[in-house]
Amino acid sequence: VKRATLHNADIIKNLDLHLGDTVFVEKGGEIIPKITGVDSDSRHPMAQKVDFIRNCPECGTALIRKEGEAAHYCPNEDGCPPQIKGKMEHFTSRKAMNIDGLGQETIDLLYNEGLIRNIADIYDLKKEQICNLERLGDKSAERILKSLDESRTVPFEKVLFALGIRFVGETVAKILANRLINIENIEKANLEELTAVDEIGGRIAESLQAYFANPENIRILNRLKEKGLQMQLDEASLANRSAKLEGLTIIISGTFDKNSRDDLKKMIEQNGGKNVSSISKNTSYLLAGNNIGPSKLEKAEKLNIPIISEEDFLKMIG
């Protein structure tokens, strides 16, 4: 073991760490090395306490620690290079906009050359700007530009996830998109309206409001709209929406004849229901296919959860 993470200031303080200390290390869960204690008897009498950093090592901004959280953060989101590049890496990633050819190294290169400073700048890239850079050529440039063009059809929920709003992961982005339909509705929603959406708590609602209160974010959003990105649910999704499963939680298990599991999950969401991954007393239905897991079936029967087939489910949503 060469390195062991200390995670945050509280752990450093509780361990009473001093420079040059001999420490006890174990592998948490037999995998992750962590420091569990200090051999204070072997400590040098003149050893100084470990002083937790006060400023960002990249941009020099004073670090902040939000109430109820353990970690310190650099608040300079729009001016701290690793944060700016990190947002672009997230935006172009496979689960977000899925832009081929724009990985960490290429984004780093484009940023250092002054060609991109935010996610909207990516859509202003020209072939001649890309192909003359180190390790890139005509084919790389064409692949990137083609992928950028194709990303204009990426569905709204993925665009929302790609924006990198704090606490808005894939699931939350999907829920917000399905309930509030477009980016304008999410921007205008107050705290009460946001927390009324299933699974959106105060922390997520406050993060959303903070994001839309930042003029720089609005400027970038407007540029992305101009570039043709999807900022609302498509017509097919809207046409298939209903409240037939409103308030119901459904777990899917097994394989199905007519639809894939992903298609069934999408149908549940489009009809106002909620997908869950584990059975509890609050589960409304177990949607069972072929080769259903015996443990899930046993638990459903034990908790008296109604078990429905694919045919039953399709009848429910008409």
C-alpha atoms as a PDB file:
ATOM      1  CA  VAL A   1       0.000   0.000   0.000  1.00  0.00           C
ATOM      2  CA  LYS A   2       1.496   3.322  -1.102  1.00  0.00           C
ATOM      3  CA  ARG A   3      -1.446   5.651  -0.417  1.00  0.00           C
ATOM      4  CA  ALA A   4      -4.428   5.780   1.910  1.00  0.00           C
ATOM      5  CA  THR A   5      -7.208   8.353   1.612  1.00  0.00           C
ATOM      6  CA  LEU A   6      -8.124  10.522   4.599  1.00  0.00           C
ATOM      7  CA  HIS A   7     -11.343  11.837   2.970  1.00  0.00           C
ATOM      8  CA  ASN A   8     -11.952  15.036   4.936  1.00  0.00           C
ATOM      9  CA  ALA A   9     -10.857  17.476   7.640  1.00  0.00           C
ATOM     10  CA  ASP A  10     -12.878  15.781  10.406  1.00  0.00           C
ATOM     11  CA  ILE A  11     -11.039  12.471   9.984  1.00  0.00           C
ATOM     12  CA  ILE A  12      -7.661  14.255  10.063  1.00  0.00           C
ATOM     13  CA  LYS A  13      -8.711  16.111  13.215  1.00  0.00           C
ATOM     14  CA  ASN A  14     -10.124  13.017  14.967  1.00  0.00           C
ATOM     15  CA  LEU A  15      -6.935  11.061  14.246  1.00  0.00           C
ATOM     16  CA  ASP A  16      -4.900  13.994  15.612  1.00  0.00           C
ATOM     17  CA  LEU A  17      -2.475  13.587  12.711  1.00  0.00           C
ATOM     18  CA  HIS A  18       0.966  15.190  12.878  1.00  0.00           C
ATOM     19  CA  LEU A  19       3.584  15.429  10.121  1.00  0.00           C
ATOM     20  CA  GLY A  20       5.879  12.405  10.143  1.00  0.00           C
ATOM     21  CA  ASP A  21       3.476  10.222  12.161  1.00  0.00           C
ATOM     22  CA  THR A  22       3.600   6.443  11.992  1.00  0.00           C
ATOM     23  CA  VAL A  23       0.080   5.268  11.247  1.00  0.00           C
ATOM     24  CA  PHE A  24      -1.944   2.064  11.279  1.00  0.00           C
ATOM     25  CA  VAL A  25      -3.451   1.117   7.914  1.00  0.00           C
ATOM     26  CA  GLU A  26      -6.032  -1.509   7.050  1.00  0.00           C
ATOM     27  CA  LYS A  27      -7.970  -2.370   3.929  1.00  0.00           C
ATOM     28  CA  GLY A  28     -11.625  -1.434   4.450  1.00  0.00           C
ATOM     29  CA  GLY A  29     -13.773  -4.236   3.079  1.00  0.00           C
ATOM     30  CA  GLU A  30     -10.456  -5.934   2.273  1.00  0.00           C
ATOM     31  CA  ILE A  31     -10.017  -3.487  -0.646  1.00  0.00           C
ATOM     32  CA  ILE A  32      -9.731   0.243   0.149  1.00  0.00           C
ATOM     33  CA  PRO A  33      -6.679   1.251   2.252  1.00  0.00           C
ATOM     34  CA  LYS A  34      -7.580   3.552   5.136  1.00  0.00           C
ATOM     35  CA  ILE A  35      -5.738   5.013   8.101  1.00  0.00           C
ATOM     36  CA  THR A  36      -7.321   3.787  11.331  1.00  0.00           C
ATOM     37  CA  GLY A  37      -4.990   5.132  14.002  1.00  0.00           C
ATOM     38  CA  VAL A  38      -1.711   6.789  14.968  1.00  0.00           C
ATOM     39  CA  ASP A  39       1.244   5.445  16.929  1.00  0.00           C
ATOM     40  CA  SER A  40       1.580   8.516  19.152  1.00  0.00           C
ATOM     41  CA  ASP A  41       4.402   6.905  21.175  1.00  0.00           C
ATOM     42  CA  SER A  42       6.730   7.103  18.178  1.00  0.00           C
ATOM     43  CA  ARG A  43       5.835  10.727  17.365  1.00  0.00           C
ATOM     44  CA  HIS A  44       8.652  13.290  17.349  1.00  0.00           C
ATOM     45  CA  PRO A  45       8.116  15.832  20.161  1.00  0.00           C
ATOM     46  CA  MET A  46       8.508  18.742  17.723  1.00  0.00           C
ATOM     47  CA  ALA A  47       6.138  17.310  15.090  1.00  0.00           C
ATOM     48  CA  GLN A  48       3.576  19.815  13.770  1.00  0.00           C
ATOM     49  CA  LYS A  49      -0.117  19.100  13.377  1.00  0.00           C
ATOM     50  CA  VAL A  50      -1.411  18.486   9.865  1.00  0.00           C
ATOM     51  CA  ASP A  51      -2.933  21.803   8.776  1.00  0.00           C
ATOM     52  CA  PHE A  52      -5.908  21.203   6.463  1.00  0.00           C
ATOM     53  CA  ILE A  53      -5.679  23.341   3.309  1.00  0.00           C
ATOM     54  CA  ARG A  54      -7.712  26.542   3.246  1.00  0.00           C
ATOM     55  CA  ASN A  55      -7.458  27.416  -0.444  1.00  0.00           C
ATOM     56  CA  CYS A  56      -7.990  25.562  -3.710  1.00  0.00           C
ATOM     57  CA  PRO A  57      -4.611  24.227  -4.916  1.00  0.00           C
ATOM     58  CA  GLU A  58      -5.579  25.062  -8.527  1.00  0.00           C
ATOM     59  CA  CYS A  59      -7.109  28.547  -8.479  1.00  0.00           C
ATOM     60  CA  GLY A  60      -6.366  29.785  -4.940  1.00  0.00           C
ATOM     61  CA  THR A  61     -10.015  30.441  -4.025  1.00  0.00           C
ATOM     62  CA  ALA A  62     -10.895  29.995  -0.336  1.00  0.00           C
ATOM     63  CA  LEU A  63     -12.537  26.602   0.197  1.00  0.00           C
ATOM     64  CA  ILE A  64     -16.040  26.352   1.675  1.00  0.00           C
ATOM     65  CA  ARG A  65     -17.788  23.661   3.653  1.00  0.00           C
ATOM     66  CA  LYS A  66     -21.570  23.524   3.440  1.00  0.00           C
ATOM     67  CA  GLU A  67     -23.605  22.909   6.566  1.00  0.00           C
ATOM     68  CA  GLY A  68     -24.214  19.211   7.193  1.00  0.00           C
ATOM     69  CA  GLU A  69     -21.520  18.091   4.742  1.00  0.00           C
ATOM     70  CA  ALA A  70     -18.082  16.632   5.468  1.00  0.00           C
ATOM     71  CA  ALA A  71     -16.151  17.777   2.399  1.00  0.00           C
ATOM     72  CA  HIS A  72     -14.695  21.151   1.510  1.00  0.00           C
ATOM     73  CA  TYR A  73     -15.329  22.578  -1.962  1.00  0.00           C
ATOM     74  CA  CYS A  74     -13.878  25.225  -4.210  1.00  0.00           C
ATOM     75  CA  PRO A  75     -16.821  27.589  -4.953  1.00  0.00           C
ATOM     76  CA  ASN A  76     -15.144  29.002  -8.081  1.00  0.00           C
ATOM     77  CA  GLU A  77     -17.180  26.777 -10.414  1.00  0.00           C
ATOM     78  CA  ASP A  78     -16.867  29.063 -13.435  1.00  0.00           C
ATOM     79  CA  GLY A  79     -13.172  29.893 -13.082  1.00  0.00           C
ATOM     80  CA  CYS A  80     -11.415  26.840 -11.611  1.00  0.00           C
ATOM     81  CA  PRO A  81      -9.790  24.875 -14.514  1.00  0.00           C
ATOM     82  CA  PRO A  82     -10.317  21.308 -13.173  1.00  0.00           C
ATOM     83  CA  GLN A  83     -13.989  22.068 -12.477  1.00  0.00           C
ATOM     84  CA  ILE A  84     -14.532  23.608 -15.915  1.00  0.00           C
ATOM     85  CA  LYS A  85     -12.861  20.670 -17.669  1.00  0.00           C
ATOM     86  CA  GLY A  86     -14.654  18.191 -15.395  1.00  0.00           C
ATOM     87  CA  LYS A  87     -18.034  19.646 -16.407  1.00  0.00           C
ATOM     88  CA  MET A  88     -17.131  19.258 -20.066  1.00  0.00           C
ATOM     89  CA  GLU A  89     -15.965  15.671 -19.532  1.00  0.00           C
ATOM     90  CA  HIS A  90     -19.270  14.879 -17.811  1.00  0.00           C
ATOM     91  CA  PHE A  91     -21.251  16.618 -20.572  1.00  0.00           C
ATOM     92  CA  THR A  92     -19.603  14.594 -23.358  1.00  0.00           C
ATOM     93  CA  SER A  93     -19.630  11.253 -21.482  1.00  0.00           C
ATOM     94  CA  ARG A  94     -21.440   8.160 -22.777  1.00  0.00           C
ATOM     95  CA  LYS A  95     -24.374   8.351 -20.338  1.00  0.00           C
ATOM     96  CA  ALA A  96     -24.855  12.051 -21.060  1.00  0.00           C
ATOM     97  CA  MET A  97     -24.415  13.551 -24.566  1.00  0.00           C
ATOM     98  CA  ASN A  98     -22.266  10.612 -25.745  1.00  0.00           C
ATOM     99  CA  ILE A  99     -19.924  12.697 -27.920  1.00  0.00           C
ATOM    100  CA  ASP A 100     -17.345  10.423 -29.508  1.00  0.00           C
ATOM    101  CA  GLY A 101     -13.728  11.617 -29.538  1.00  0.00           C
ATOM    102  CA  LEU A 102     -14.076  14.201 -26.762  1.00  0.00           C
ATOM    103  CA  GLY A 103     -12.547  12.390 -23.817  1.00  0.00           C
ATOM    104  CA  GLN A 104     -10.423  13.775 -20.994  1.00  0.00           C
ATOM    105  CA  GLU A 105      -7.190  14.192 -22.996  1.00  0.00           C
ATOM    106  CA  THR A 106      -8.846  15.914 -25.958  1.00  0.00           C
ATOM    107  CA  ILE A 107     -10.845  18.265 -23.734  1.00  0.00           C
ATOM    108  CA  ASP A 108      -7.650  19.091 -21.824  1.00  0.00           C
ATOM    109  CA  LEU A 109      -5.894  19.836 -25.123  1.00  0.00           C
ATOM    110  CA  LEU A 110      -8.741  22.005 -26.472  1.00  0.00           C
ATOM    111  CA  TYR A 111      -8.966  23.880 -23.155  1.00  0.00           C
ATOM    112  CA  ASN A 112      -5.216  24.539 -22.991  1.00  0.00           C
ATOM    113  CA  GLU A 113      -5.332  25.858 -26.566  1.00  0.00           C
ATOM    114  CA  GLY A 114      -8.065  28.304 -25.524  1.00  0.00           C
ATOM    115  CA  LEU A 115     -10.649  26.800 -27.892  1.00  0.00           C
ATOM    116  CA  ILE A 116     -13.238  25.830 -25.269  1.00  0.00           C
ATOM    117  CA  ARG A 117     -14.124  27.369 -21.912  1.00  0.00           C
ATOM    118  CA  ASN A 118     -17.581  25.857 -21.288  1.00  0.00           C
ATOM    119  CA  ILE A 119     -19.933  23.184 -22.625  1.00  0.00           C
ATOM    120  CA  ALA A 120     -21.524  25.547 -25.174  1.00  0.00           C
ATOM    121  CA  ASP A 121     -18.137  26.332 -26.759  1.00  0.00           C
ATOM    122  CA  ILE A 122     -17.876  22.676 -27.820  1.00  0.00           C
ATOM    123  CA  TYR A 123     -20.575  23.294 -30.469  1.00  0.00           C
ATOM    124  CA  ASP A 124     -18.579  26.188 -31.970  1.00  0.00           C
ATOM    125  CA  LEU A 125     -15.576  23.990 -32.807  1.00  0.00           C
ATOM    126  CA  LYS A 126     -14.457  24.003 -36.456  1.00  0.00           C
ATOM    127  CA  LYS A 127     -12.652  21.239 -38.335  1.00  0.00           C
ATOM    128  CA  GLU A 128      -9.557  23.379 -38.956  1.00  0.00           C
ATOM    129  CA  GLN A 129      -9.266  24.130 -35.225  1.00  0.00           C
ATOM    130  CA  ILE A 130      -9.301  20.443 -34.294  1.00  0.00           C
ATOM    131  CA  CYS A 131      -7.281  18.752 -37.047  1.00  0.00           C
ATOM    132  CA  ASN A 132      -4.159  20.890 -36.508  1.00  0.00           C
ATOM    133  CA  LEU A 133      -3.825  19.931 -32.850  1.00  0.00           C
ATOM    134  CA  GLU A 134      -1.349  17.385 -31.493  1.00  0.00           C
ATOM    135  CA  ARG A 135      -2.525  13.732 -31.823  1.00  0.00           C
ATOM    136  CA  LEU A 136      -5.568  14.828 -33.852  1.00  0.00           C
ATOM    137  CA  GLY A 137      -6.119  14.895 -37.621  1.00  0.00           C
ATOM    138  CA  ASP A 138      -8.837  15.107 -40.271  1.00  0.00           C
ATOM    139  CA  LYS A 139     -10.467  11.807 -39.265  1.00  0.00           C
ATOM    140  CA  SER A 140     -10.563  12.725 -35.568  1.00  0.00           C
ATOM    141  CA  ALA A 141     -12.008  16.145 -36.379  1.00  0.00           C
ATOM    142  CA  GLU A 142     -14.688  14.655 -38.638  1.00  0.00           C
ATOM    143  CA  ARG A 143     -15.620  12.062 -35.996  1.00  0.00           C
ATOM    144  CA  ILE A 144     -15.984  14.729 -33.298  1.00  0.00           C
ATOM    145  CA  LEU A 145     -18.063  17.065 -35.492  1.00  0.00           C
ATOM    146  CA  LYS A 146     -20.299  14.207 -36.663  1.00  0.00           C
ATOM    147  CA  SER A 147     -20.890  13.139 -33.070  1.00  0.00           C
ATOM    148  CA  LEU A 148     -21.647  16.727 -32.036  1.00  0.00           C
ATOM    149  CA  ASP A 149     -24.235  16.942 -34.790  1.00  0.00           C
ATOM    150  CA  GLU A 150     -25.804  13.627 -33.720  1.00  0.00           C
ATOM    151  CA  SER A 151     -25.957  14.803 -30.083  1.00  0.00           C
ATOM    152  CA  ARG A 152     -28.641  17.310 -31.066  1.00  0.00           C
ATOM    153  CA  THR A 153     -31.097  14.401 -31.035  1.00  0.00           C
ATOM    154  CA  VAL A 154     -30.145  13.189 -27.518  1.00  0.00           C
ATOM    155  CA  PRO A 155     -33.394  13.163 -25.459  1.00  0.00           C
ATOM    156  CA  PHE A 156     -34.143  15.931 -22.984  1.00  0.00           C
ATOM    157  CA  GLU A 157     -33.622  13.861 -19.821  1.00  0.00           C
ATOM    158  CA  LYS A 158     -30.044  13.097 -20.899  1.00  0.00           C
ATOM    159  CA  VAL A 159     -29.375  16.740 -21.769  1.00  0.00           C
ATOM    160  CA  LEU A 160     -30.615  17.691 -18.291  1.00  0.00           C
ATOM    161  CA  PHE A 161     -28.285  15.121 -16.715  1.00  0.00           C
ATOM    162  CA  ALA A 162     -25.397  16.336 -18.922  1.00  0.00           C
ATOM    163  CA  LEU A 163     -25.659  19.888 -17.561  1.00  0.00           C
ATOM    164  CA  GLY A 164     -23.977  18.670 -14.381  1.00  0.00           C
ATOM    165  CA  ILE A 165     -26.374  20.277 -11.888  1.00  0.00           C
ATOM    166  CA  ARG A 166     -25.339  19.159  -8.421  1.00  0.00           C
ATOM    167  CA  PHE A 167     -27.417  16.222  -7.092  1.00  0.00           C
ATOM    168  CA  VAL A 168     -29.191  15.812 -10.466  1.00  0.00           C
ATOM    169  CA  GLY A 169     -28.115  12.328 -11.547  1.00  0.00           C
ATOM    170  CA  GLU A 170     -29.627  10.152 -14.265  1.00  0.00           C
ATOM    171  CA  THR A 171     -32.698   9.112 -12.256  1.00  0.00           C
ATOM    172  CA  VAL A 172     -33.493  12.604 -10.933  1.00  0.00           C
ATOM    173  CA  ALA A 173     -33.057  14.095 -14.427  1.00  0.00           C
ATOM    174  CA  LYS A 174     -35.492  11.534 -15.846  1.00  0.00           C
ATOM    175  CA  ILE A 175     -38.062  12.246 -13.117  1.00  0.00           C
ATOM    176  CA  LEU A 176     -37.809  16.022 -13.620  1.00  0.00           C
ATOM    177  CA  ALA A 177     -38.075  15.711 -17.411  1.00  0.00           C
ATOM    178  CA  ASN A 178     -41.138  13.466 -17.209  1.00  0.00           C
ATOM    179  CA  ARG A 179     -42.947  15.648 -14.676  1.00  0.00           C
ATOM    180  CA  LEU A 180     -42.016  19.184 -15.757  1.00  0.00           C
ATOM    181  CA  ILE A 181     -41.761  18.541 -19.533  1.00  0.00           C
ATOM    182  CA  ASN A 182     -39.236  21.257 -20.486  1.00  0.00           C
ATOM    183  CA  ILE A 183     -36.286  23.295 -19.232  1.00  0.00           C
ATOM    184  CA  GLU A 184     -38.371  26.479 -18.874  1.00  0.00           C
ATOM    185  CA  ASN A 185     -40.775  24.803 -16.430  1.00  0.00           C
ATOM    186  CA  ILE A 186     -37.861  23.534 -14.331  1.00  0.00           C
ATOM    187  CA  GLU A 187     -36.265  26.991 -14.341  1.00  0.00           C
ATOM    188  CA  LYS A 188     -39.488  28.736 -13.249  1.00  0.00           C
ATOM    189  CA  ALA A 189     -40.520  26.179 -10.597  1.00  0.00           C
ATOM    190  CA  ASN A 190     -40.323  27.382  -7.000  1.00  0.00           C
ATOM    191  CA  LEU A 191     -39.152  25.280  -4.045  1.00  0.00           C
ATOM    192  CA  GLU A 192     -42.671  24.093  -3.249  1.00  0.00           C
ATOM    193  CA  GLU A 193     -43.332  23.006  -6.842  1.00  0.00           C
ATOM    194  CA  LEU A 194     -39.992  21.203  -7.095  1.00  0.00           C
ATOM    195  CA  THR A 195     -40.322  19.307  -3.812  1.00  0.00           C
ATOM    196  CA  ALA A 196     -43.848  18.263  -4.833  1.00  0.00           C
ATOM    197  CA  VAL A 197     -42.221  16.114  -7.532  1.00  0.00           C
ATOM    198  CA  ASP A 198     -41.675  12.531  -6.368  1.00  0.00           C
ATOM    199  CA  GLU A 199     -38.135  11.927  -5.013  1.00  0.00           C
ATOM    200  CA  ILE A 200     -37.134  15.618  -5.247  1.00  0.00           C
ATOM    201  CA  GLY A 201     -36.154  16.730  -1.752  1.00  0.00           C
ATOM    202  CA  GLY A 202     -35.103  20.116  -0.405  1.00  0.00           C
ATOM    203  CA  ARG A 203     -31.417  19.626  -1.172  1.00  0.00           C
ATOM    204  CA  ILE A 204     -32.047  18.851  -4.860  1.00  0.00           C
ATOM    205  CA  ALA A 205     -34.601  21.674  -5.163  1.00  0.00           C
ATOM    206  CA  GLU A 206     -32.179  24.218  -3.680  1.00  0.00           C
ATOM    207  CA  SER A 207     -29.405  23.037  -5.994  1.00  0.00           C
ATOM    208  CA  LEU A 208     -31.694  23.467  -9.017  1.00  0.00           C
ATOM    209  CA  GLN A 209     -32.662  26.970  -7.938  1.00  0.00           C
ATOM    210  CA  ALA A 210     -29.019  27.923  -7.372  1.00  0.00           C
ATOM    211  CA  TYR A 211     -28.115  26.643 -10.850  1.00  0.00           C
ATOM    212  CA  PHE A 212     -30.820  28.687 -12.598  1.00  0.00           C
ATOM    213  CA  ALA A 213     -30.055  31.781 -10.483  1.00  0.00           C
ATOM    214  CA  ASN A 214     -26.546  31.916 -11.992  1.00  0.00           C
ATOM    215  CA  PRO A 215     -26.570  34.260 -15.053  1.00  0.00           C
ATOM    216  CA  GLU A 216     -23.611  32.391 -16.600  1.00  0.00           C
ATOM    217  CA  ASN A 217     -25.589  29.122 -16.561  1.00  0.00           C
ATOM    218  CA  ILE A 218     -28.546  30.829 -18.258  1.00  0.00           C
ATOM    219  CA  ARG A 219     -26.230  32.272 -20.914  1.00  0.00           C
ATOM    220  CA  ILE A 220     -24.788  28.808 -21.615  1.00  0.00           C
ATOM    221  CA  LEU A 221     -28.289  27.254 -21.693  1.00  0.00           C
ATOM    222  CA  ASN A 222     -29.459  29.832 -24.217  1.00  0.00           C
ATOM    223  CA  ARG A 223     -26.468  29.055 -26.434  1.00  0.00           C
ATOM    224  CA  LEU A 224     -27.209  25.306 -26.210  1.00  0.00           C
ATOM    225  CA  LYS A 225     -30.825  26.007 -27.213  1.00  0.00           C
ATOM    226  CA  GLU A 226     -29.570  27.962 -30.234  1.00  0.00           C
ATOM    227  CA  LYS A 227     -27.392  24.985 -31.184  1.00  0.00           C
ATOM    228  CA  GLY A 228     -30.528  22.822 -31.356  1.00  0.00           C
ATOM    229  CA  LEU A 229     -30.204  20.642 -28.252  1.00  0.00           C
ATOM    230  CA  GLN A 230     -33.398  19.013 -26.966  1.00  0.00           C
ATOM    231  CA  MET A 231     -34.762  21.131 -24.126  1.00  0.00           C
ATOM    232  CA  GLN A 232     -38.136  19.414 -23.788  1.00  0.00           C
ATOM    233  CA  LEU A 233     -39.669  15.953 -24.009  1.00  0.00           C
ATOM    234  CA  ASP A 234     -40.163  14.790 -27.589  1.00  0.00           C
ATOM    235  CA  GLU A 235     -43.638  14.492 -29.111  1.00  0.00           C
ATOM    236  CA  ALA A 236     -43.640  10.687 -28.905  1.00  0.00           C
ATOM    237  CA  SER A 237     -42.981  10.782 -25.155  1.00  0.00           C
ATOM    238  CA  LEU A 238     -45.663  13.419 -24.642  1.00  0.00           C
ATOM    239  CA  ALA A 239     -48.206  11.515 -26.742  1.00  0.00           C
ATOM    240  CA  ASN A 240     -47.757   8.356 -24.677  1.00  0.00           C
ATOM    241  CA  ARG A 241     -48.036  10.037 -21.276  1.00  0.00           C
ATOM    242  CA  SER A 242     -50.848   9.192 -18.861  1.00  0.00           C
ATOM    243  CA  ALA A 243     -51.546   9.019 -15.126  1.00  0.00           C
ATOM    244  CA  LYS A 244     -52.803   5.410 -15.199  1.00  0.00           C
ATOM    245  CA  LEU A 245     -50.016   4.246 -12.874  1.00  0.00           C
ATOM    246  CA  GLU A 246     -49.867   7.393 -10.740  1.00  0.00           C
ATOM    247  CA  GLY A 247     -48.741   6.562  -7.203  1.00  0.00           C
ATOM    248  CA  LEU A 248     -47.809   2.965  -8.041  1.00  0.00           C
ATOM    249  CA  THR A 249     -44.349   1.444  -7.569  1.00  0.00           C
ATOM    250  CA  ILE A 250     -43.471  -1.534  -9.761  1.00  0.00           C
ATOM    251  CA  ILE A 251     -40.518  -3.906  -9.743  1.00  0.00           C
ATOM    252  CA  ILE A 252     -39.593  -5.846 -12.889  1.00  0.00           C
ATOM    253  CA  SER A 253     -38.034  -9.316 -12.823  1.00  0.00           C
ATOM    254  CA  GLY A 254     -37.372 -11.929 -15.496  1.00  0.00           C
ATOM    255  CA  THR A 255     -37.387 -11.830 -19.306  1.00  0.00           C
ATOM    256  CA  PHE A 256     -40.360 -10.888 -21.470  1.00  0.00           C
ATOM    257  CA  ASP A 257     -41.779 -11.919 -24.843  1.00  0.00           C
ATOM    258  CA  LYS A 258     -43.146  -8.667 -26.264  1.00  0.00           C
ATOM    259  CA  ASN A 259     -41.015  -5.911 -24.728  1.00  0.00           C
ATOM    260  CA  SER A 260     -37.529  -5.455 -23.323  1.00  0.00           C
ATOM    261  CA  ARG A 261     -37.087  -4.596 -19.644  1.00  0.00           C
ATOM    262  CA  ASP A 262     -35.972  -1.060 -20.626  1.00  0.00           C
ATOM    263  CA  ASP A 263     -39.136  -0.608 -22.726  1.00  0.00           C
ATOM    264  CA  LEU A 264     -41.299  -1.739 -19.808  1.00  0.00           C
ATOM    265  CA  LYS A 265     -39.516   0.650 -17.440  1.00  0.00           C
ATOM    266  CA  LYS A 266     -40.114   3.487 -19.893  1.00  0.00           C
ATOM    267  CA  MET A 267     -43.827   2.577 -20.096  1.00  0.00           C
ATOM    268  CA  ILE A 268     -44.110   2.651 -16.302  1.00  0.00           C
ATOM    269  CA  GLU A 269     -42.563   6.130 -16.172  1.00  0.00           C
ATOM    270  CA  GLN A 270     -44.641   7.439 -19.100  1.00  0.00           C
ATOM    271  CA  ASN A 271     -47.803   6.369 -17.292  1.00  0.00           C
ATOM    272  CA  GLY A 272     -46.896   8.067 -14.023  1.00  0.00           C
ATOM    273  CA  GLY A 273     -45.529   5.021 -12.186  1.00  0.00           C
ATOM    274  CA  LYS A 274     -42.218   4.506 -10.450  1.00  0.00           C
ATOM    275  CA  ASN A 275     -39.625   1.800 -11.093  1.00  0.00           C
ATOM    276  CA  VAL A 276     -38.015   0.228  -8.036  1.00  0.00           C
ATOM    277  CA  SER A 277     -35.112  -2.207  -7.839  1.00  0.00           C
ATOM    278  CA  SER A 278     -35.982  -4.024  -4.610  1.00  0.00           C
ATOM    279  CA  ILE A 279     -39.190  -5.343  -3.069  1.00  0.00           C
ATOM    280  CA  SER A 280     -40.604  -3.789   0.080  1.00  0.00           C
ATOM    281  CA  LYS A 281     -44.016  -3.607   1.747  1.00  0.00           C
ATOM    282  CA  ASN A 282     -44.585  -0.381  -0.242  1.00  0.00           C
ATOM    283  CA  THR A 283     -44.181  -2.095  -3.646  1.00  0.00           C
ATOM    284  CA  SER A 284     -47.469  -2.067  -5.571  1.00  0.00           C
ATOM    285  CA  TYR A 285     -46.772  -4.840  -8.108  1.00  0.00           C
ATOM    286  CA  LEU A 286     -44.159  -7.371  -9.172  1.00  0.00           C
ATOM    287  CA  LEU A 287     -44.123  -7.455 -12.981  1.00  0.00           C
ATOM    288  CA  ALA A 288     -42.944 -11.031 -13.543  1.00  0.00           C
ATOM    289  CA  GLY A 289     -41.547 -12.472 -16.750  1.00  0.00           C
ATOM    290  CA  ASN A 290     -39.867 -15.771 -17.586  1.00  0.00           C
ATOM    291  CA  ASN A 291     -37.029 -17.051 -15.373  1.00  0.00           C
ATOM    292  CA  ILE A 292     -37.962 -14.749 -12.507  1.00  0.00           C
ATOM    293  CA  GLY A 293     -35.519 -14.758  -9.592  1.00  0.00           C
ATOM    294  CA  PRO A 294     -36.798 -17.185  -6.909  1.00  0.00           C
ATOM    295  CA  SER A 295     -35.817 -14.883  -4.029  1.00  0.00           C
ATOM    296  CA  LYS A 296     -37.867 -11.995  -5.437  1.00  0.00           C
ATOM    297  CA  LEU A 297     -40.843 -14.255  -6.019  1.00  0.00           C
ATOM    298  CA  GLU A 298     -40.611 -15.630  -2.492  1.00  0.00           C
ATOM    299  CA  LYS A 299     -40.349 -12.165  -0.954  1.00  0.00           C
ATOM    300  CA  ALA A 300     -43.296 -10.871  -3.018  1.00  0.00           C
ATOM    301  CA  GLU A 301     -45.471 -13.756  -1.876  1.00  0.00           C
ATOM    302  CA  LYS A 302     -44.375 -13.270   1.744  1.00  0.00           C
ATOM    303  CA  LEU A 303     -45.318  -9.564   1.632  1.00  0.00           C
ATOM    304  CA  ASN A 304     -48.526 -10.263  -0.347  1.00  0.00           C
ATOM    305  CA  ILE A 305     -47.348  -8.120  -3.275  1.00  0.00           C
ATOM    306  CA  PRO A 306     -49.614  -8.714  -6.317  1.00  0.00           C
ATOM    307  CA  ILE A 307     -47.755 -10.496  -9.135  1.00  0.00           C
ATOM    308  CA  ILE A 308     -48.730  -9.481 -12.676  1.00  0.00           C
ATOM    309  CA  SER A 309     -47.704 -10.758 -16.124  1.00  0.00           C
ATOM    310  CA  GLU A 310     -46.647  -8.710 -19.143  1.00  0.00           C
ATOM    311  CA  GLU A 311     -50.174  -9.150 -20.546  1.00  0.00           C
ATOM    312  CA  ASP A 312     -51.733  -7.878 -17.296  1.00  0.00           C
ATOM    313  CA  PHE A 313     -49.438  -4.867 -17.334  1.00  0.00           C
ATOM    314  CA  LEU A 314     -50.214  -3.949 -20.952  1.00  0.00           C
ATOM    315  CA  LYS A 315     -53.949  -4.124 -20.172  1.00  0.00           C
ATOM    316  CA  MET A 316     -53.422  -1.809 -17.183  1.00  0.00           C
ATOM    317  CA  ILE A 317     -51.939   0.911 -19.388  1.00  0.00           C
ATOM    318  CA  GLY A 318     -54.329   0.257 -22.266  1.00  0.00           C
END
